[in-house]
């Protein structure tokens, strides 16, 4: 009788250990997502404070900001021809161009 009680205690202890291990594993897996969420909230608060109080004149440095000075243009023509019987044909001739520079680094 005493042996049966000891086995049940060991079984419940093992179950608690497995349950605690699963909770710890879940918390470790969620750590990245919690950090990202907190960073996003902090950035939103900083952006709101900077625009509300009037400190928005100076932008903060972020390593992935980039600046672009680009000029884009598009020229072309479209021709539609309607033939006997309702057949319609389209011809499209477009030319796109982009010139300028892209700088990766500190915000401009």
N, C-alpha and C. Protein backbone atom coordinates (compact mmCIF):
# COMPACT_ATOMS: atom_id res chain seq x y z
N UNK A 1 0.83 -1.20 0.00
CA UNK A 1 0.00 0.00 0.00
C UNK A 1 0.87 1.27 0.00
N UNK A 2 1.92 1.24 0.79
CA UNK A 2 2.80 2.39 0.89
C UNK A 2 3.54 2.64 -0.43
N UNK A 3 3.89 1.57 -1.14
CA UNK A 3 4.56 1.70 -2.42
C UNK A 3 3.66 2.36 -3.46
N UNK A 4 2.40 2.06 -3.46
CA UNK A 4 1.46 2.64 -4.42
C UNK A 4 1.37 4.15 -4.21
N UNK A 5 1.32 4.60 -2.98
CA UNK A 5 1.26 6.04 -2.69
C UNK A 5 2.54 6.74 -3.15
N UNK A 6 3.70 6.10 -2.94
CA UNK A 6 4.95 6.71 -3.37
C UNK A 6 4.99 6.84 -4.89
N UNK A 7 4.54 5.84 -5.60
CA UNK A 7 4.52 5.89 -7.06
C UNK A 7 3.61 7.01 -7.56
N UNK A 8 2.48 7.22 -6.92
CA UNK A 8 1.58 8.30 -7.33
C UNK A 8 2.20 9.66 -7.06
N UNK A 9 2.91 9.78 -5.96
CA UNK A 9 3.59 11.06 -5.68
C UNK A 9 4.66 11.34 -6.73
N UNK A 10 5.41 10.33 -7.09
CA UNK A 10 6.45 10.51 -8.09
C UNK A 10 5.83 10.84 -9.44
N UNK A 11 4.68 10.22 -9.72
CA UNK A 11 4.02 10.51 -10.98
C UNK A 11 3.52 11.95 -11.02
N UNK A 12 2.92 12.43 -9.96
CA UNK A 12 2.42 13.81 -9.95
C UNK A 12 3.59 14.80 -9.97
N UNK A 13 4.69 14.48 -9.32
CA UNK A 13 5.87 15.35 -9.36
C UNK A 13 6.41 15.43 -10.78
N UNK A 14 6.47 14.31 -11.47
CA UNK A 14 6.94 14.30 -12.85
C UNK A 14 5.99 15.11 -13.74
N UNK A 15 4.70 14.99 -13.51
CA UNK A 15 3.74 15.77 -14.30
C UNK A 15 3.93 17.27 -14.07
N UNK A 16 4.15 17.66 -12.82
CA UNK A 16 4.41 19.08 -12.53
C UNK A 16 5.70 19.55 -13.20
N UNK A 17 6.72 18.73 -13.19
CA UNK A 17 7.99 19.09 -13.81
C UNK A 17 7.82 19.27 -15.32
N UNK A 18 7.07 18.37 -15.96
CA UNK A 18 6.81 18.49 -17.39
C UNK A 18 6.01 19.75 -17.69
N UNK A 19 4.99 20.02 -16.87
CA UNK A 19 4.16 21.21 -17.06
C UNK A 19 4.99 22.48 -16.92
N UNK A 20 5.83 22.55 -15.91
CA UNK A 20 6.69 23.72 -15.71
C UNK A 20 7.67 23.86 -16.88
N UNK A 21 8.20 22.73 -17.36
CA UNK A 21 9.10 22.77 -18.52
C UNK A 21 8.41 23.30 -19.76
N UNK A 22 7.16 22.91 -19.99
CA UNK A 22 6.41 23.41 -21.14
C UNK A 22 6.14 24.91 -21.03
N UNK A 23 5.81 25.37 -19.83
CA UNK A 23 5.56 26.81 -19.63
C UNK A 23 6.84 27.60 -19.87
N UNK A 24 7.97 27.12 -19.37
CA UNK A 24 9.24 27.81 -19.57
C UNK A 24 9.61 27.83 -21.05
N UNK A 25 9.39 26.71 -21.74
CA UNK A 25 9.68 26.66 -23.18
C UNK A 25 8.80 27.64 -23.95
N UNK A 26 7.53 27.73 -23.58
CA UNK A 26 6.63 28.67 -24.26
C UNK A 26 7.07 30.11 -24.01
N UNK A 27 7.46 30.43 -22.79
CA UNK A 27 7.93 31.79 -22.49
C UNK A 27 9.20 32.12 -23.25
N UNK A 28 10.11 31.18 -23.38
CA UNK A 28 11.32 31.43 -24.15
C UNK A 28 11.02 31.61 -25.63
N UNK A 29 10.06 30.87 -26.14
CA UNK A 29 9.70 31.01 -27.55
C UNK A 29 9.02 32.34 -27.82
N UNK A 30 8.28 32.85 -26.87
CA UNK A 30 7.55 34.12 -27.05
C UNK A 30 8.41 35.34 -26.76
N UNK A 31 9.59 35.15 -26.23
CA UNK A 31 10.45 36.26 -25.81
C UNK A 31 10.70 37.25 -26.95
N UNK A 32 11.00 36.77 -28.14
CA UNK A 32 11.28 37.64 -29.28
C UNK A 32 10.07 38.48 -29.62
N UNK A 33 8.89 37.85 -29.64
CA UNK A 33 7.68 38.57 -30.01
C UNK A 33 7.29 39.61 -28.97
N UNK A 34 7.53 39.31 -27.70
CA UNK A 34 7.24 40.28 -26.64
C UNK A 34 8.19 41.48 -26.77
N UNK A 35 9.46 41.22 -27.04
CA UNK A 35 10.43 42.31 -27.21
C UNK A 35 10.03 43.20 -28.39
N UNK A 36 9.65 42.59 -29.51
CA UNK A 36 9.25 43.37 -30.68
C UNK A 36 8.02 44.21 -30.39
N UNK A 37 7.07 43.64 -29.67
CA UNK A 37 5.87 44.39 -29.31
C UNK A 37 6.18 45.58 -28.42
N UNK A 38 7.04 45.37 -27.44
CA UNK A 38 7.42 46.47 -26.54
C UNK A 38 8.20 47.54 -27.29
N UNK A 39 9.09 47.13 -28.19
CA UNK A 39 9.83 48.12 -28.99
C UNK A 39 8.90 48.93 -29.87
N UNK A 40 7.89 48.28 -30.45
CA UNK A 40 6.93 49.00 -31.29
C UNK A 40 6.13 50.00 -30.47
N UNK A 41 5.71 49.61 -29.27
CA UNK A 41 4.97 50.54 -28.41
C UNK A 41 5.85 51.73 -28.02
N UNK A 42 7.10 51.47 -27.72
CA UNK A 42 8.01 52.55 -27.34
C UNK A 42 8.24 53.51 -28.51
N UNK A 43 8.38 52.95 -29.72
CA UNK A 43 8.57 53.79 -30.90
C UNK A 43 7.33 54.63 -31.17
N UNK A 44 6.14 54.03 -31.04
CA UNK A 44 4.91 54.79 -31.23
C UNK A 44 4.80 55.93 -30.22
N UNK A 45 5.15 55.65 -28.98
CA UNK A 45 5.09 56.68 -27.95
C UNK A 45 6.08 57.79 -28.24
N UNK A 46 7.28 57.43 -28.67
CA UNK A 46 8.30 58.43 -29.01
C UNK A 46 7.86 59.29 -30.18
N UNK A 47 7.32 58.64 -31.23
CA UNK A 47 6.86 59.40 -32.40
C UNK A 47 5.71 60.33 -32.03
N UNK A 48 4.78 59.86 -31.21
CA UNK A 48 3.65 60.70 -30.80
C UNK A 48 4.15 61.88 -29.97
N UNK A 49 5.06 61.64 -29.04
CA UNK A 49 5.59 62.71 -28.20
C UNK A 49 6.34 63.73 -29.05
N UNK A 50 7.13 63.25 -30.01
CA UNK A 50 7.93 64.16 -30.83
C UNK A 50 7.04 65.05 -31.69
N UNK A 51 5.95 64.51 -32.24
CA UNK A 51 5.09 65.32 -33.09
C UNK A 51 4.15 66.19 -32.27
N UNK A 52 3.73 65.73 -31.10
CA UNK A 52 2.79 66.50 -30.28
C UNK A 52 3.48 67.68 -29.62
N UNK A 53 4.64 67.45 -29.05
CA UNK A 53 5.35 68.50 -28.31
C UNK A 53 6.09 69.43 -29.25
N UNK A 54 6.38 69.00 -30.45
CA UNK A 54 7.07 69.85 -31.40
C UNK A 54 8.54 69.56 -31.52
N UNK A 55 8.94 68.36 -31.11
CA UNK A 55 10.35 68.00 -31.21
C UNK A 55 10.64 67.26 -32.50
N UNK A 56 9.71 67.30 -33.45
CA UNK A 56 9.85 66.53 -34.67
C UNK A 56 10.85 67.09 -35.67
N UNK A 57 11.52 68.18 -35.37
CA UNK A 57 12.46 68.77 -36.31
C UNK A 57 13.71 67.94 -36.50
N UNK A 58 14.13 67.22 -35.47
CA UNK A 58 15.33 66.39 -35.55
C UNK A 58 14.91 64.93 -35.53
N UNK A 59 15.30 64.20 -36.57
CA UNK A 59 14.94 62.79 -36.60
C UNK A 59 16.00 61.98 -35.88
N UNK A 60 15.57 60.88 -35.30
CA UNK A 60 16.49 60.01 -34.60
C UNK A 60 17.22 59.13 -35.60
N UNK A 61 18.41 58.73 -35.23
CA UNK A 61 19.17 57.82 -36.09
C UNK A 61 18.63 56.42 -35.96
N UNK A 62 18.37 55.79 -37.06
CA UNK A 62 18.03 54.38 -37.14
C UNK A 62 18.93 53.78 -38.20
N UNK A 63 19.50 52.61 -37.95
CA UNK A 63 20.47 52.06 -38.88
C UNK A 63 19.91 51.70 -40.25
N UNK A 64 18.60 51.54 -40.39
CA UNK A 64 18.07 51.11 -41.67
C UNK A 64 17.36 52.23 -42.42
N UNK A 65 17.49 53.46 -41.94
CA UNK A 65 16.93 54.57 -42.70
C UNK A 65 17.74 54.78 -43.97
N UNK A 66 17.12 55.24 -44.99
CA UNK A 66 17.84 55.54 -46.21
C UNK A 66 17.21 56.77 -46.85
N UNK A 67 17.99 57.44 -47.64
CA UNK A 67 17.51 58.62 -48.34
C UNK A 67 17.52 58.38 -49.84
N UNK A 68 16.54 58.95 -50.53
CA UNK A 68 16.48 58.80 -51.98
C UNK A 68 16.24 60.15 -52.61
N UNK A 69 16.91 60.38 -53.72
CA UNK A 69 16.69 61.55 -54.54
C UNK A 69 16.48 61.03 -55.95
N UNK A 70 15.23 60.76 -56.30
CA UNK A 70 14.92 60.10 -57.56
C UNK A 70 14.00 60.95 -58.42
N UNK A 71 14.16 60.80 -59.72
CA UNK A 71 13.25 61.40 -60.69
C UNK A 71 12.74 60.26 -61.56
N UNK A 72 11.43 60.10 -61.62
CA UNK A 72 10.86 59.04 -62.43
C UNK A 72 9.98 59.66 -63.51
N UNK A 73 9.89 58.96 -64.62
CA UNK A 73 9.05 59.44 -65.71
C UNK A 73 8.55 58.28 -66.53
N UNK A 74 7.43 58.52 -67.22
CA UNK A 74 6.87 57.49 -68.08
C UNK A 74 6.23 58.16 -69.29
N UNK A 75 6.59 57.70 -70.45
CA UNK A 75 6.01 58.22 -71.67
C UNK A 75 5.54 57.04 -72.50
N UNK A 76 4.59 57.28 -73.36
CA UNK A 76 4.14 56.19 -74.21
C UNK A 76 2.89 56.54 -74.97
N UNK A 77 2.40 55.56 -75.69
CA UNK A 77 1.19 55.74 -76.47
C UNK A 77 0.39 54.45 -76.45
N UNK A 78 -0.91 54.60 -76.63
CA UNK A 78 -1.82 53.46 -76.66
C UNK A 78 -2.68 53.59 -77.91
N UNK A 79 -2.78 52.51 -78.65
CA UNK A 79 -3.58 52.51 -79.88
C UNK A 79 -4.64 51.42 -79.77
N UNK A 80 -5.88 51.79 -80.05
CA UNK A 80 -6.99 50.84 -80.06
C UNK A 80 -7.56 50.82 -81.48
N UNK A 81 -7.74 49.63 -82.00
CA UNK A 81 -8.29 49.47 -83.35
C UNK A 81 -9.53 48.60 -83.28
N UNK A 82 -10.63 49.08 -83.83
CA UNK A 82 -11.88 48.34 -83.85
C UNK A 82 -12.10 47.82 -85.26
N UNK A 83 -12.17 46.52 -85.40
CA UNK A 83 -12.33 45.89 -86.71
C UNK A 83 -13.80 45.50 -86.91
N UNK A 84 -14.09 45.08 -88.13
CA UNK A 84 -15.44 44.63 -88.46
C UNK A 84 -15.78 43.40 -87.61
N UNK A 85 -16.99 43.37 -87.12
CA UNK A 85 -17.42 42.25 -86.29
C UNK A 85 -17.17 42.49 -84.81
N UNK A 86 -16.69 43.64 -84.45
CA UNK A 86 -16.52 43.97 -83.04
C UNK A 86 -15.18 43.58 -82.45
N UNK A 87 -14.27 43.08 -83.26
CA UNK A 87 -12.96 42.72 -82.75
C UNK A 87 -12.16 43.98 -82.46
N UNK A 88 -11.56 44.00 -81.28
CA UNK A 88 -10.81 45.18 -80.85
C UNK A 88 -9.39 44.76 -80.54
N UNK A 89 -8.41 45.50 -81.03
CA UNK A 89 -7.01 45.22 -80.73
C UNK A 89 -6.39 46.42 -80.03
N UNK A 90 -5.47 46.12 -79.13
CA UNK A 90 -4.79 47.16 -78.35
C UNK A 90 -3.30 47.08 -78.61
N UNK A 91 -2.66 48.20 -78.70
CA UNK A 91 -1.20 48.28 -78.78
C UNK A 91 -0.75 49.32 -77.77
N UNK A 92 0.14 48.93 -76.90
CA UNK A 92 0.61 49.81 -75.84
C UNK A 92 2.13 49.89 -75.91
N UNK A 93 2.66 51.10 -75.98
CA UNK A 93 4.11 51.32 -76.05
C UNK A 93 4.48 52.30 -74.95
N UNK A 94 5.07 51.79 -73.85
CA UNK A 94 5.43 52.63 -72.71
C UNK A 94 6.94 52.59 -72.49
N UNK A 95 7.48 53.72 -72.07
CA UNK A 95 8.88 53.81 -71.70
C UNK A 95 8.95 54.45 -70.31
N UNK A 96 9.59 53.73 -69.37
CA UNK A 96 9.75 54.24 -68.02
C UNK A 96 11.22 54.53 -67.77
N UNK A 97 11.48 55.57 -66.98
CA UNK A 97 12.87 55.89 -66.65
C UNK A 97 12.93 56.37 -65.21
N UNK A 98 14.07 56.11 -64.57
CA UNK A 98 14.30 56.57 -63.21
C UNK A 98 15.76 56.94 -63.10
N UNK A 99 16.02 58.14 -62.59
CA UNK A 99 17.39 58.58 -62.37
C UNK A 99 17.50 59.15 -60.97
N UNK A 100 18.65 59.05 -60.38
CA UNK A 100 18.86 59.61 -59.05
C UNK A 100 19.80 58.76 -58.23
N UNK A 101 19.82 59.03 -56.92
CA UNK A 101 20.70 58.31 -56.01
C UNK A 101 19.91 57.80 -54.82
N UNK A 102 20.41 56.73 -54.24
CA UNK A 102 19.86 56.17 -53.02
C UNK A 102 21.00 56.03 -52.02
N UNK A 103 20.81 56.58 -50.83
CA UNK A 103 21.83 56.49 -49.79
C UNK A 103 21.26 55.71 -48.61
N UNK A 104 21.97 54.67 -48.21
CA UNK A 104 21.55 53.89 -47.05
C UNK A 104 22.42 54.34 -45.89
N UNK A 105 21.78 54.66 -44.78
CA UNK A 105 22.53 55.13 -43.62
C UNK A 105 21.68 56.07 -42.81
N UNK A 106 22.29 57.11 -42.31
CA UNK A 106 21.60 58.06 -41.44
C UNK A 106 20.51 58.80 -42.21
N UNK A 107 19.41 59.13 -41.51
CA UNK A 107 18.30 59.85 -42.15
C UNK A 107 18.76 61.22 -42.61
N UNK A 108 18.25 61.64 -43.73
CA UNK A 108 18.63 62.93 -44.30
C UNK A 108 17.87 64.06 -43.65
